Amino acid sequence: KVDAATDAAPVYYMINCAHPTHFK
């Protein structure tokens, strides 16, 4: 959604404030 709305403006994405077991 962010990429579609911004023509992929962010140079990259990250994940933070969660343990790896929550999102792996």
PDBML (XML) file of the C-alpha atoms, coordinates in Angstrom:
<?xml version="1.0" encoding="UTF-8" ?>
<PDBx:datablock datablockName="MODEL"
   xmlns:PDBx="http://pdbml.pdb.org/schema/pdbx-v50.xsd"
   xmlns:xsi="http://www.w3.org/2001/XMLSchema-instance"
   xsi:schemaLocation="http://pdbml.pdb.org/schema/pdbx-v50.xsd pdbx-v50.xsd">
   <PDBx:atom_siteCategory>
      <PDBx:atom_site id="1">
         <PDBx:B_iso_or_equiv>0.00</PDBx:B_iso_or_equiv>
         <PDBx:Cartn_x>0.000</PDBx:Cartn_x>
         <PDBx:Cartn_y>0.000</PDBx:Cartn_y>
         <PDBx:Cartn_z>0.000</PDBx:Cartn_z>
         <PDBx:auth_asym_id>A</PDBx:auth_asym_id>
         <PDBx:auth_atom_id>CA</PDBx:auth_atom_id>
         <PDBx:auth_comp_id>LYS</PDBx:auth_comp_id>
         <PDBx:auth_seq_id>1</PDBx:auth_seq_id>
         <PDBx:group_PDB>ATOM</PDBx:group_PDB>
         <PDBx:label_alt_id xsi:nil="true" />
         <PDBx:label_asym_id>A</PDBx:label_asym_id>
         <PDBx:label_atom_id>CA</PDBx:label_atom_id>
         <PDBx:label_comp_id>LYS</PDBx:label_comp_id>
         <PDBx:label_entity_id>1</PDBx:label_entity_id>
         <PDBx:label_seq_id>1</PDBx:label_seq_id>
         <PDBx:occupancy>1.00</PDBx:occupancy>
         <PDBx:pdbx_PDB_model_num>1</PDBx:pdbx_PDB_model_num>
         <PDBx:type_symbol>C</PDBx:type_symbol>
      </PDBx:atom_site>
      <PDBx:atom_site id="2">
         <PDBx:B_iso_or_equiv>0.00</PDBx:B_iso_or_equiv>
         <PDBx:Cartn_x>2.791</PDBx:Cartn_x>
         <PDBx:Cartn_y>2.440</PDBx:Cartn_y>
         <PDBx:Cartn_z>0.841</PDBx:Cartn_z>
         <PDBx:auth_asym_id>A</PDBx:auth_asym_id>
         <PDBx:auth_atom_id>CA</PDBx:auth_atom_id>
         <PDBx:auth_comp_id>VAL</PDBx:auth_comp_id>
         <PDBx:auth_seq_id>2</PDBx:auth_seq_id>
         <PDBx:group_PDB>ATOM</PDBx:group_PDB>
         <PDBx:label_alt_id xsi:nil="true" />
         <PDBx:label_asym_id>A</PDBx:label_asym_id>
         <PDBx:label_atom_id>CA</PDBx:label_atom_id>
         <PDBx:label_comp_id>VAL</PDBx:label_comp_id>
         <PDBx:label_entity_id>1</PDBx:label_entity_id>
         <PDBx:label_seq_id>2</PDBx:label_seq_id>
         <PDBx:occupancy>1.00</PDBx:occupancy>
         <PDBx:pdbx_PDB_model_num>1</PDBx:pdbx_PDB_model_num>
         <PDBx:type_symbol>C</PDBx:type_symbol>
      </PDBx:atom_site>
      <PDBx:atom_site id="3">
         <PDBx:B_iso_or_equiv>0.00</PDBx:B_iso_or_equiv>
         <PDBx:Cartn_x>4.658</PDBx:Cartn_x>
         <PDBx:Cartn_y>1.610</PDBx:Cartn_y>
         <PDBx:Cartn_z>-2.357</PDBx:Cartn_z>
         <PDBx:auth_asym_id>A</PDBx:auth_asym_id>
         <PDBx:auth_atom_id>CA</PDBx:auth_atom_id>
         <PDBx:auth_comp_id>ASP</PDBx:auth_comp_id>
         <PDBx:auth_seq_id>3</PDBx:auth_seq_id>
         <PDBx:group_PDB>ATOM</PDBx:group_PDB>
         <PDBx:label_alt_id xsi:nil="true" />
         <PDBx:label_asym_id>A</PDBx:label_asym_id>
         <PDBx:label_atom_id>CA</PDBx:label_atom_id>
         <PDBx:label_comp_id>ASP</PDBx:label_comp_id>
         <PDBx:label_entity_id>1</PDBx:label_entity_id>
         <PDBx:label_seq_id>3</PDBx:label_seq_id>
         <PDBx:occupancy>1.00</PDBx:occupancy>
         <PDBx:pdbx_PDB_model_num>1</PDBx:pdbx_PDB_model_num>
         <PDBx:type_symbol>C</PDBx:type_symbol>
      </PDBx:atom_site>
      <PDBx:atom_site id="4">
         <PDBx:B_iso_or_equiv>0.00</PDBx:B_iso_or_equiv>
         <PDBx:Cartn_x>1.509</PDBx:Cartn_x>
         <PDBx:Cartn_y>2.010</PDBx:Cartn_y>
         <PDBx:Cartn_z>-4.456</PDBx:Cartn_z>
         <PDBx:auth_asym_id>A</PDBx:auth_asym_id>
         <PDBx:auth_atom_id>CA</PDBx:auth_atom_id>
         <PDBx:auth_comp_id>ALA</PDBx:auth_comp_id>
         <PDBx:auth_seq_id>4</PDBx:auth_seq_id>
         <PDBx:group_PDB>ATOM</PDBx:group_PDB>
         <PDBx:label_alt_id xsi:nil="true" />
         <PDBx:label_asym_id>A</PDBx:label_asym_id>
         <PDBx:label_atom_id>CA</PDBx:label_atom_id>
         <PDBx:label_comp_id>ALA</PDBx:label_comp_id>
         <PDBx:label_entity_id>1</PDBx:label_entity_id>
         <PDBx:label_seq_id>4</PDBx:label_seq_id>
         <PDBx:occupancy>1.00</PDBx:occupancy>
         <PDBx:pdbx_PDB_model_num>1</PDBx:pdbx_PDB_model_num>
         <PDBx:type_symbol>C</PDBx:type_symbol>
      </PDBx:atom_site>
      <PDBx:atom_site id="5">
         <PDBx:B_iso_or_equiv>0.00</PDBx:B_iso_or_equiv>
         <PDBx:Cartn_x>0.617</PDBx:Cartn_x>
         <PDBx:Cartn_y>5.366</PDBx:Cartn_y>
         <PDBx:Cartn_z>-2.886</PDBx:Cartn_z>
         <PDBx:auth_asym_id>A</PDBx:auth_asym_id>
         <PDBx:auth_atom_id>CA</PDBx:auth_atom_id>
         <PDBx:auth_comp_id>ALA</PDBx:auth_comp_id>
         <PDBx:auth_seq_id>5</PDBx:auth_seq_id>
         <PDBx:group_PDB>ATOM</PDBx:group_PDB>
         <PDBx:label_alt_id xsi:nil="true" />
         <PDBx:label_asym_id>A</PDBx:label_asym_id>
         <PDBx:label_atom_id>CA</PDBx:label_atom_id>
         <PDBx:label_comp_id>ALA</PDBx:label_comp_id>
         <PDBx:label_entity_id>1</PDBx:label_entity_id>
         <PDBx:label_seq_id>5</PDBx:label_seq_id>
         <PDBx:occupancy>1.00</PDBx:occupancy>
         <PDBx:pdbx_PDB_model_num>1</PDBx:pdbx_PDB_model_num>
         <PDBx:type_symbol>C</PDBx:type_symbol>
      </PDBx:atom_site>
      <PDBx:atom_site id="6">
         <PDBx:B_iso_or_equiv>0.00</PDBx:B_iso_or_equiv>
         <PDBx:Cartn_x>4.128</PDBx:Cartn_x>
         <PDBx:Cartn_y>6.826</PDBx:Cartn_y>
         <PDBx:Cartn_z>-3.085</PDBx:Cartn_z>
         <PDBx:auth_asym_id>A</PDBx:auth_asym_id>
         <PDBx:auth_atom_id>CA</PDBx:auth_atom_id>
         <PDBx:auth_comp_id>THR</PDBx:auth_comp_id>
         <PDBx:auth_seq_id>6</PDBx:auth_seq_id>
         <PDBx:group_PDB>ATOM</PDBx:group_PDB>
         <PDBx:label_alt_id xsi:nil="true" />
         <PDBx:label_asym_id>A</PDBx:label_asym_id>
         <PDBx:label_atom_id>CA</PDBx:label_atom_id>
         <PDBx:label_comp_id>THR</PDBx:label_comp_id>
         <PDBx:label_entity_id>1</PDBx:label_entity_id>
         <PDBx:label_seq_id>6</PDBx:label_seq_id>
         <PDBx:occupancy>1.00</PDBx:occupancy>
         <PDBx:pdbx_PDB_model_num>1</PDBx:pdbx_PDB_model_num>
         <PDBx:type_symbol>C</PDBx:type_symbol>
      </PDBx:atom_site>
      <PDBx:atom_site id="7">
         <PDBx:B_iso_or_equiv>0.00</PDBx:B_iso_or_equiv>
         <PDBx:Cartn_x>5.580</PDBx:Cartn_x>
         <PDBx:Cartn_y>5.295</PDBx:Cartn_y>
         <PDBx:Cartn_z>-6.260</PDBx:Cartn_z>
         <PDBx:auth_asym_id>A</PDBx:auth_asym_id>
         <PDBx:auth_atom_id>CA</PDBx:auth_atom_id>
         <PDBx:auth_comp_id>ASP</PDBx:auth_comp_id>
         <PDBx:auth_seq_id>7</PDBx:auth_seq_id>
         <PDBx:group_PDB>ATOM</PDBx:group_PDB>
         <PDBx:label_alt_id xsi:nil="true" />
         <PDBx:label_asym_id>A</PDBx:label_asym_id>
         <PDBx:label_atom_id>CA</PDBx:label_atom_id>
         <PDBx:label_comp_id>ASP</PDBx:label_comp_id>
         <PDBx:label_entity_id>1</PDBx:label_entity_id>
         <PDBx:label_seq_id>7</PDBx:label_seq_id>
         <PDBx:occupancy>1.00</PDBx:occupancy>
         <PDBx:pdbx_PDB_model_num>1</PDBx:pdbx_PDB_model_num>
         <PDBx:type_symbol>C</PDBx:type_symbol>
      </PDBx:atom_site>
      <PDBx:atom_site id="8">
         <PDBx:B_iso_or_equiv>0.00</PDBx:B_iso_or_equiv>
         <PDBx:Cartn_x>7.863</PDBx:Cartn_x>
         <PDBx:Cartn_y>3.253</PDBx:Cartn_y>
         <PDBx:Cartn_z>-3.978</PDBx:Cartn_z>
         <PDBx:auth_asym_id>A</PDBx:auth_asym_id>
         <PDBx:auth_atom_id>CA</PDBx:auth_atom_id>
         <PDBx:auth_comp_id>ALA</PDBx:auth_comp_id>
         <PDBx:auth_seq_id>8</PDBx:auth_seq_id>
         <PDBx:group_PDB>ATOM</PDBx:group_PDB>
         <PDBx:label_alt_id xsi:nil="true" />
         <PDBx:label_asym_id>A</PDBx:label_asym_id>
         <PDBx:label_atom_id>CA</PDBx:label_atom_id>
         <PDBx:label_comp_id>ALA</PDBx:label_comp_id>
         <PDBx:label_entity_id>1</PDBx:label_entity_id>
         <PDBx:label_seq_id>8</PDBx:label_seq_id>
         <PDBx:occupancy>1.00</PDBx:occupancy>
         <PDBx:pdbx_PDB_model_num>1</PDBx:pdbx_PDB_model_num>
         <PDBx:type_symbol>C</PDBx:type_symbol>
      </PDBx:atom_site>
      <PDBx:atom_site id="9">
         <PDBx:B_iso_or_equiv>0.00</PDBx:B_iso_or_equiv>
         <PDBx:Cartn_x>9.327</PDBx:Cartn_x>
         <PDBx:Cartn_y>6.353</PDBx:Cartn_y>
         <PDBx:Cartn_z>-2.345</PDBx:Cartn_z>
         <PDBx:auth_asym_id>A</PDBx:auth_asym_id>
         <PDBx:auth_atom_id>CA</PDBx:auth_atom_id>
         <PDBx:auth_comp_id>ALA</PDBx:auth_comp_id>
         <PDBx:auth_seq_id>9</PDBx:auth_seq_id>
         <PDBx:group_PDB>ATOM</PDBx:group_PDB>
         <PDBx:label_alt_id xsi:nil="true" />
         <PDBx:label_asym_id>A</PDBx:label_asym_id>
         <PDBx:label_atom_id>CA</PDBx:label_atom_id>
         <PDBx:label_comp_id>ALA</PDBx:label_comp_id>
         <PDBx:label_entity_id>1</PDBx:label_entity_id>
         <PDBx:label_seq_id>9</PDBx:label_seq_id>
         <PDBx:occupancy>1.00</PDBx:occupancy>
         <PDBx:pdbx_PDB_model_num>1</PDBx:pdbx_PDB_model_num>
         <PDBx:type_symbol>C</PDBx:type_symbol>
      </PDBx:atom_site>
      <PDBx:atom_site id="10">
         <PDBx:B_iso_or_equiv>0.00</PDBx:B_iso_or_equiv>
         <PDBx:Cartn_x>10.882</PDBx:Cartn_x>
         <PDBx:Cartn_y>4.599</PDBx:Cartn_y>
         <PDBx:Cartn_z>0.694</PDBx:Cartn_z>
         <PDBx:auth_asym_id>A</PDBx:auth_asym_id>
         <PDBx:auth_atom_id>CA</PDBx:auth_atom_id>
         <PDBx:auth_comp_id>PRO</PDBx:auth_comp_id>
         <PDBx:auth_seq_id>10</PDBx:auth_seq_id>
         <PDBx:group_PDB>ATOM</PDBx:group_PDB>
         <PDBx:label_alt_id xsi:nil="true" />
         <PDBx:label_asym_id>A</PDBx:label_asym_id>
         <PDBx:label_atom_id>CA</PDBx:label_atom_id>
         <PDBx:label_comp_id>PRO</PDBx:label_comp_id>
         <PDBx:label_entity_id>1</PDBx:label_entity_id>
         <PDBx:label_seq_id>10</PDBx:label_seq_id>
         <PDBx:occupancy>1.00</PDBx:occupancy>
         <PDBx:pdbx_PDB_model_num>1</PDBx:pdbx_PDB_model_num>
         <PDBx:type_symbol>C</PDBx:type_symbol>
      </PDBx:atom_site>
      <PDBx:atom_site id="11">
         <PDBx:B_iso_or_equiv>0.00</PDBx:B_iso_or_equiv>
         <PDBx:Cartn_x>14.347</PDBx:Cartn_x>
         <PDBx:Cartn_y>3.298</PDBx:Cartn_y>
         <PDBx:Cartn_z>-0.127</PDBx:Cartn_z>
         <PDBx:auth_asym_id>A</PDBx:auth_asym_id>
         <PDBx:auth_atom_id>CA</PDBx:auth_atom_id>
         <PDBx:auth_comp_id>VAL</PDBx:auth_comp_id>
         <PDBx:auth_seq_id>11</PDBx:auth_seq_id>
         <PDBx:group_PDB>ATOM</PDBx:group_PDB>
         <PDBx:label_alt_id xsi:nil="true" />
         <PDBx:label_asym_id>A</PDBx:label_asym_id>
         <PDBx:label_atom_id>CA</PDBx:label_atom_id>
         <PDBx:label_comp_id>VAL</PDBx:label_comp_id>
         <PDBx:label_entity_id>1</PDBx:label_entity_id>
         <PDBx:label_seq_id>11</PDBx:label_seq_id>
         <PDBx:occupancy>1.00</PDBx:occupancy>
         <PDBx:pdbx_PDB_model_num>1</PDBx:pdbx_PDB_model_num>
         <PDBx:type_symbol>C</PDBx:type_symbol>
      </PDBx:atom_site>
      <PDBx:atom_site id="12">
         <PDBx:B_iso_or_equiv>0.00</PDBx:B_iso_or_equiv>
         <PDBx:Cartn_x>13.604</PDBx:Cartn_x>
         <PDBx:Cartn_y>0.274</PDBx:Cartn_y>
         <PDBx:Cartn_z>2.059</PDBx:Cartn_z>
         <PDBx:auth_asym_id>A</PDBx:auth_asym_id>
         <PDBx:auth_atom_id>CA</PDBx:auth_atom_id>
         <PDBx:auth_comp_id>TYR</PDBx:auth_comp_id>
         <PDBx:auth_seq_id>12</PDBx:auth_seq_id>
         <PDBx:group_PDB>ATOM</PDBx:group_PDB>
         <PDBx:label_alt_id xsi:nil="true" />
         <PDBx:label_asym_id>A</PDBx:label_asym_id>
         <PDBx:label_atom_id>CA</PDBx:label_atom_id>
         <PDBx:label_comp_id>TYR</PDBx:label_comp_id>
         <PDBx:label_entity_id>1</PDBx:label_entity_id>
         <PDBx:label_seq_id>12</PDBx:label_seq_id>
         <PDBx:occupancy>1.00</PDBx:occupancy>
         <PDBx:pdbx_PDB_model_num>1</PDBx:pdbx_PDB_model_num>
         <PDBx:type_symbol>C</PDBx:type_symbol>
      </PDBx:atom_site>
      <PDBx:atom_site id="13">
         <PDBx:B_iso_or_equiv>0.00</PDBx:B_iso_or_equiv>
         <PDBx:Cartn_x>11.420</PDBx:Cartn_x>
         <PDBx:Cartn_y>-1.055</PDBx:Cartn_y>
         <PDBx:Cartn_z>4.853</PDBx:Cartn_z>
         <PDBx:auth_asym_id>A</PDBx:auth_asym_id>
         <PDBx:auth_atom_id>CA</PDBx:auth_atom_id>
         <PDBx:auth_comp_id>TYR</PDBx:auth_comp_id>
         <PDBx:auth_seq_id>13</PDBx:auth_seq_id>
         <PDBx:group_PDB>ATOM</PDBx:group_PDB>
         <PDBx:label_alt_id xsi:nil="true" />
         <PDBx:label_asym_id>A</PDBx:label_asym_id>
         <PDBx:label_atom_id>CA</PDBx:label_atom_id>
         <PDBx:label_comp_id>TYR</PDBx:label_comp_id>
         <PDBx:label_entity_id>1</PDBx:label_entity_id>
         <PDBx:label_seq_id>13</PDBx:label_seq_id>
         <PDBx:occupancy>1.00</PDBx:occupancy>
         <PDBx:pdbx_PDB_model_num>1</PDBx:pdbx_PDB_model_num>
         <PDBx:type_symbol>C</PDBx:type_symbol>
      </PDBx:atom_site>
      <PDBx:atom_site id="14">
         <PDBx:B_iso_or_equiv>0.00</PDBx:B_iso_or_equiv>
         <PDBx:Cartn_x>12.150</PDBx:Cartn_x>
         <PDBx:Cartn_y>-2.388</PDBx:Cartn_y>
         <PDBx:Cartn_z>8.314</PDBx:Cartn_z>
         <PDBx:auth_asym_id>A</PDBx:auth_asym_id>
         <PDBx:auth_atom_id>CA</PDBx:auth_atom_id>
         <PDBx:auth_comp_id>MET</PDBx:auth_comp_id>
         <PDBx:auth_seq_id>14</PDBx:auth_seq_id>
         <PDBx:group_PDB>ATOM</PDBx:group_PDB>
         <PDBx:label_alt_id xsi:nil="true" />
         <PDBx:label_asym_id>A</PDBx:label_asym_id>
         <PDBx:label_atom_id>CA</PDBx:label_atom_id>
         <PDBx:label_comp_id>MET</PDBx:label_comp_id>
         <PDBx:label_entity_id>1</PDBx:label_entity_id>
         <PDBx:label_seq_id>14</PDBx:label_seq_id>
         <PDBx:occupancy>1.00</PDBx:occupancy>
         <PDBx:pdbx_PDB_model_num>1</PDBx:pdbx_PDB_model_num>
         <PDBx:type_symbol>C</PDBx:type_symbol>
      </PDBx:atom_site>
      <PDBx:atom_site id="15">
         <PDBx:B_iso_or_equiv>0.00</PDBx:B_iso_or_equiv>
         <PDBx:Cartn_x>10.372</PDBx:Cartn_x>
         <PDBx:Cartn_y>-4.210</PDBx:Cartn_y>
         <PDBx:Cartn_z>11.123</PDBx:Cartn_z>
         <PDBx:auth_asym_id>A</PDBx:auth_asym_id>
         <PDBx:auth_atom_id>CA</PDBx:auth_atom_id>
         <PDBx:auth_comp_id>ILE</PDBx:auth_comp_id>
         <PDBx:auth_seq_id>15</PDBx:auth_seq_id>
         <PDBx:group_PDB>ATOM</PDBx:group_PDB>
         <PDBx:label_alt_id xsi:nil="true" />
         <PDBx:label_asym_id>A</PDBx:label_asym_id>
         <PDBx:label_atom_id>CA</PDBx:label_atom_id>
         <PDBx:label_comp_id>ILE</PDBx:label_comp_id>
         <PDBx:label_entity_id>1</PDBx:label_entity_id>
         <PDBx:label_seq_id>15</PDBx:label_seq_id>
         <PDBx:occupancy>1.00</PDBx:occupancy>
         <PDBx:pdbx_PDB_model_num>1</PDBx:pdbx_PDB_model_num>
         <PDBx:type_symbol>C</PDBx:type_symbol>
      </PDBx:atom_site>
      <PDBx:atom_site id="16">
         <PDBx:B_iso_or_equiv>0.00</PDBx:B_iso_or_equiv>
         <PDBx:Cartn_x>10.858</PDBx:Cartn_x>
         <PDBx:Cartn_y>-3.081</PDBx:Cartn_y>
         <PDBx:Cartn_z>14.711</PDBx:Cartn_z>
         <PDBx:auth_asym_id>A</PDBx:auth_asym_id>
         <PDBx:auth_atom_id>CA</PDBx:auth_atom_id>
         <PDBx:auth_comp_id>ASN</PDBx:auth_comp_id>
         <PDBx:auth_seq_id>16</PDBx:auth_seq_id>
         <PDBx:group_PDB>ATOM</PDBx:group_PDB>
         <PDBx:label_alt_id xsi:nil="true" />
         <PDBx:label_asym_id>A</PDBx:label_asym_id>
         <PDBx:label_atom_id>CA</PDBx:label_atom_id>
         <PDBx:label_comp_id>ASN</PDBx:label_comp_id>
         <PDBx:label_entity_id>1</PDBx:label_entity_id>
         <PDBx:label_seq_id>16</PDBx:label_seq_id>
         <PDBx:occupancy>1.00</PDBx:occupancy>
         <PDBx:pdbx_PDB_model_num>1</PDBx:pdbx_PDB_model_num>
         <PDBx:type_symbol>C</PDBx:type_symbol>
      </PDBx:atom_site>
      <PDBx:atom_site id="17">
         <PDBx:B_iso_or_equiv>0.00</PDBx:B_iso_or_equiv>
         <PDBx:Cartn_x>9.487</PDBx:Cartn_x>
         <PDBx:Cartn_y>-3.381</PDBx:Cartn_y>
         <PDBx:Cartn_z>18.248</PDBx:Cartn_z>
         <PDBx:auth_asym_id>A</PDBx:auth_asym_id>
         <PDBx:auth_atom_id>CA</PDBx:auth_atom_id>
         <PDBx:auth_comp_id>CYS</PDBx:auth_comp_id>
         <PDBx:auth_seq_id>17</PDBx:auth_seq_id>
         <PDBx:group_PDB>ATOM</PDBx:group_PDB>
         <PDBx:label_alt_id xsi:nil="true" />
         <PDBx:label_asym_id>A</PDBx:label_asym_id>
         <PDBx:label_atom_id>CA</PDBx:label_atom_id>
         <PDBx:label_comp_id>CYS</PDBx:label_comp_id>
         <PDBx:label_entity_id>1</PDBx:label_entity_id>
         <PDBx:label_seq_id>17</PDBx:label_seq_id>
         <PDBx:occupancy>1.00</PDBx:occupancy>
         <PDBx:pdbx_PDB_model_num>1</PDBx:pdbx_PDB_model_num>
         <PDBx:type_symbol>C</PDBx:type_symbol>
      </PDBx:atom_site>
      <PDBx:atom_site id="18">
         <PDBx:B_iso_or_equiv>0.00</PDBx:B_iso_or_equiv>
         <PDBx:Cartn_x>8.458</PDBx:Cartn_x>
         <PDBx:Cartn_y>-7.029</PDBx:Cartn_y>
         <PDBx:Cartn_z>17.926</PDBx:Cartn_z>
         <PDBx:auth_asym_id>A</PDBx:auth_asym_id>
         <PDBx:auth_atom_id>CA</PDBx:auth_atom_id>
         <PDBx:auth_comp_id>ALA</PDBx:auth_comp_id>
         <PDBx:auth_seq_id>18</PDBx:auth_seq_id>
         <PDBx:group_PDB>ATOM</PDBx:group_PDB>
         <PDBx:label_alt_id xsi:nil="true" />
         <PDBx:label_asym_id>A</PDBx:label_asym_id>
         <PDBx:label_atom_id>CA</PDBx:label_atom_id>
         <PDBx:label_comp_id>ALA</PDBx:label_comp_id>
         <PDBx:label_entity_id>1</PDBx:label_entity_id>
         <PDBx:label_seq_id>18</PDBx:label_seq_id>
         <PDBx:occupancy>1.00</PDBx:occupancy>
         <PDBx:pdbx_PDB_model_num>1</PDBx:pdbx_PDB_model_num>
         <PDBx:type_symbol>C</PDBx:type_symbol>
      </PDBx:atom_site>
      <PDBx:atom_site id="19">
         <PDBx:B_iso_or_equiv>0.00</PDBx:B_iso_or_equiv>
         <PDBx:Cartn_x>10.240</PDBx:Cartn_x>
         <PDBx:Cartn_y>-10.305</PDBx:Cartn_y>
         <PDBx:Cartn_z>18.639</PDBx:Cartn_z>
         <PDBx:auth_asym_id>A</PDBx:auth_asym_id>
         <PDBx:auth_atom_id>CA</PDBx:auth_atom_id>
         <PDBx:auth_comp_id>HIS</PDBx:auth_comp_id>
         <PDBx:auth_seq_id>19</PDBx:auth_seq_id>
         <PDBx:group_PDB>ATOM</PDBx:group_PDB>
         <PDBx:label_alt_id xsi:nil="true" />
         <PDBx:label_asym_id>A</PDBx:label_asym_id>
         <PDBx:label_atom_id>CA</PDBx:label_atom_id>
         <PDBx:label_comp_id>HIS</PDBx:label_comp_id>
         <PDBx:label_entity_id>1</PDBx:label_entity_id>
         <PDBx:label_seq_id>19</PDBx:label_seq_id>
         <PDBx:occupancy>1.00</PDBx:occupancy>
         <PDBx:pdbx_PDB_model_num>1</PDBx:pdbx_PDB_model_num>
         <PDBx:type_symbol>C</PDBx:type_symbol>
      </PDBx:atom_site>
      <PDBx:atom_site id="20">
         <PDBx:B_iso_or_equiv>0.00</PDBx:B_iso_or_equiv>
         <PDBx:Cartn_x>11.316</PDBx:Cartn_x>
         <PDBx:Cartn_y>-12.421</PDBx:Cartn_y>
         <PDBx:Cartn_z>15.632</PDBx:Cartn_z>
         <PDBx:auth_asym_id>A</PDBx:auth_asym_id>
         <PDBx:auth_atom_id>CA</PDBx:auth_atom_id>
         <PDBx:auth_comp_id>PRO</PDBx:auth_comp_id>
         <PDBx:auth_seq_id>20</PDBx:auth_seq_id>
         <PDBx:group_PDB>ATOM</PDBx:group_PDB>
         <PDBx:label_alt_id xsi:nil="true" />
         <PDBx:label_asym_id>A</PDBx:label_asym_id>
         <PDBx:label_atom_id>CA</PDBx:label_atom_id>
         <PDBx:label_comp_id>PRO</PDBx:label_comp_id>
         <PDBx:label_entity_id>1</PDBx:label_entity_id>
         <PDBx:label_seq_id>20</PDBx:label_seq_id>
         <PDBx:occupancy>1.00</PDBx:occupancy>
         <PDBx:pdbx_PDB_model_num>1</PDBx:pdbx_PDB_model_num>
         <PDBx:type_symbol>C</PDBx:type_symbol>
      </PDBx:atom_site>
      <PDBx:atom_site id="21">
         <PDBx:B_iso_or_equiv>0.00</PDBx:B_iso_or_equiv>
         <PDBx:Cartn_x>8.894</PDBx:Cartn_x>
         <PDBx:Cartn_y>-15.152</PDBx:Cartn_y>
         <PDBx:Cartn_z>16.686</PDBx:Cartn_z>
         <PDBx:auth_asym_id>A</PDBx:auth_asym_id>
         <PDBx:auth_atom_id>CA</PDBx:auth_atom_id>
         <PDBx:auth_comp_id>THR</PDBx:auth_comp_id>
         <PDBx:auth_seq_id>21</PDBx:auth_seq_id>
         <PDBx:group_PDB>ATOM</PDBx:group_PDB>
         <PDBx:label_alt_id xsi:nil="true" />
         <PDBx:label_asym_id>A</PDBx:label_asym_id>
         <PDBx:label_atom_id>CA</PDBx:label_atom_id>
         <PDBx:label_comp_id>THR</PDBx:label_comp_id>
         <PDBx:label_entity_id>1</PDBx:label_entity_id>
         <PDBx:label_seq_id>21</PDBx:label_seq_id>
         <PDBx:occupancy>1.00</PDBx:occupancy>
         <PDBx:pdbx_PDB_model_num>1</PDBx:pdbx_PDB_model_num>
         <PDBx:type_symbol>C</PDBx:type_symbol>
      </PDBx:atom_site>
      <PDBx:atom_site id="22">
         <PDBx:B_iso_or_equiv>0.00</PDBx:B_iso_or_equiv>
         <PDBx:Cartn_x>6.054</PDBx:Cartn_x>
         <PDBx:Cartn_y>-12.675</PDBx:Cartn_y>
         <PDBx:Cartn_z>16.166</PDBx:Cartn_z>
         <PDBx:auth_asym_id>A</PDBx:auth_asym_id>
         <PDBx:auth_atom_id>CA</PDBx:auth_atom_id>
         <PDBx:auth_comp_id>HIS</PDBx:auth_comp_id>
         <PDBx:auth_seq_id>22</PDBx:auth_seq_id>
         <PDBx:group_PDB>ATOM</PDBx:group_PDB>
         <PDBx:label_alt_id xsi:nil="true" />
         <PDBx:label_asym_id>A</PDBx:label_asym_id>
         <PDBx:label_atom_id>CA</PDBx:label_atom_id>
         <PDBx:label_comp_id>HIS</PDBx:label_comp_id>
         <PDBx:label_entity_id>1</PDBx:label_entity_id>
         <PDBx:label_seq_id>22</PDBx:label_seq_id>
         <PDBx:occupancy>1.00</PDBx:occupancy>
         <PDBx:pdbx_PDB_model_num>1</PDBx:pdbx_PDB_model_num>
         <PDBx:type_symbol>C</PDBx:type_symbol>
      </PDBx:atom_site>
      <PDBx:atom_site id="23">
         <PDBx:B_iso_or_equiv>0.00</PDBx:B_iso_or_equiv>
         <PDBx:Cartn_x>6.740</PDBx:Cartn_x>
         <PDBx:Cartn_y>-12.028</PDBx:Cartn_y>
         <PDBx:Cartn_z>12.499</PDBx:Cartn_z>
         <PDBx:auth_asym_id>A</PDBx:auth_asym_id>
         <PDBx:auth_atom_id>CA</PDBx:auth_atom_id>
         <PDBx:auth_comp_id>PHE</PDBx:auth_comp_id>
         <PDBx:auth_seq_id>23</PDBx:auth_seq_id>
         <PDBx:group_PDB>ATOM</PDBx:group_PDB>
         <PDBx:label_alt_id xsi:nil="true" />
         <PDBx:label_asym_id>A</PDBx:label_asym_id>
         <PDBx:label_atom_id>CA</PDBx:label_atom_id>
         <PDBx:label_comp_id>PHE</PDBx:label_comp_id>
         <PDBx:label_entity_id>1</PDBx:label_entity_id>
         <PDBx:label_seq_id>23</PDBx:label_seq_id>
         <PDBx:occupancy>1.00</PDBx:occupancy>
         <PDBx:pdbx_PDB_model_num>1</PDBx:pdbx_PDB_model_num>
         <PDBx:type_symbol>C</PDBx:type_symbol>
      </PDBx:atom_site>
      <PDBx:atom_site id="24">
         <PDBx:B_iso_or_equiv>0.00</PDBx:B_iso_or_equiv>
         <PDBx:Cartn_x>8.957</PDBx:Cartn_x>
         <PDBx:Cartn_y>-14.755</PDBx:Cartn_y>
         <PDBx:Cartn_z>11.053</PDBx:Cartn_z>
         <PDBx:auth_asym_id>A</PDBx:auth_asym_id>
         <PDBx:auth_atom_id>CA</PDBx:auth_atom_id>
         <PDBx:auth_comp_id>LYS</PDBx:auth_comp_id>
         <PDBx:auth_seq_id>24</PDBx:auth_seq_id>
         <PDBx:group_PDB>ATOM</PDBx:group_PDB>
         <PDBx:label_alt_id xsi:nil="true" />
         <PDBx:label_asym_id>A</PDBx:label_asym_id>
         <PDBx:label_atom_id>CA</PDBx:label_atom_id>
         <PDBx:label_comp_id>LYS</PDBx:label_comp_id>
         <PDBx:label_entity_id>1</PDBx:label_entity_id>
         <PDBx:label_seq_id>24</PDBx:label_seq_id>
         <PDBx:occupancy>1.00</PDBx:occupancy>
         <PDBx:pdbx_PDB_model_num>1</PDBx:pdbx_PDB_model_num>
         <PDBx:type_symbol>C</PDBx:type_symbol>
      </PDBx:atom_site>
   </PDBx:atom_siteCategory>
</PDBx:datablock>
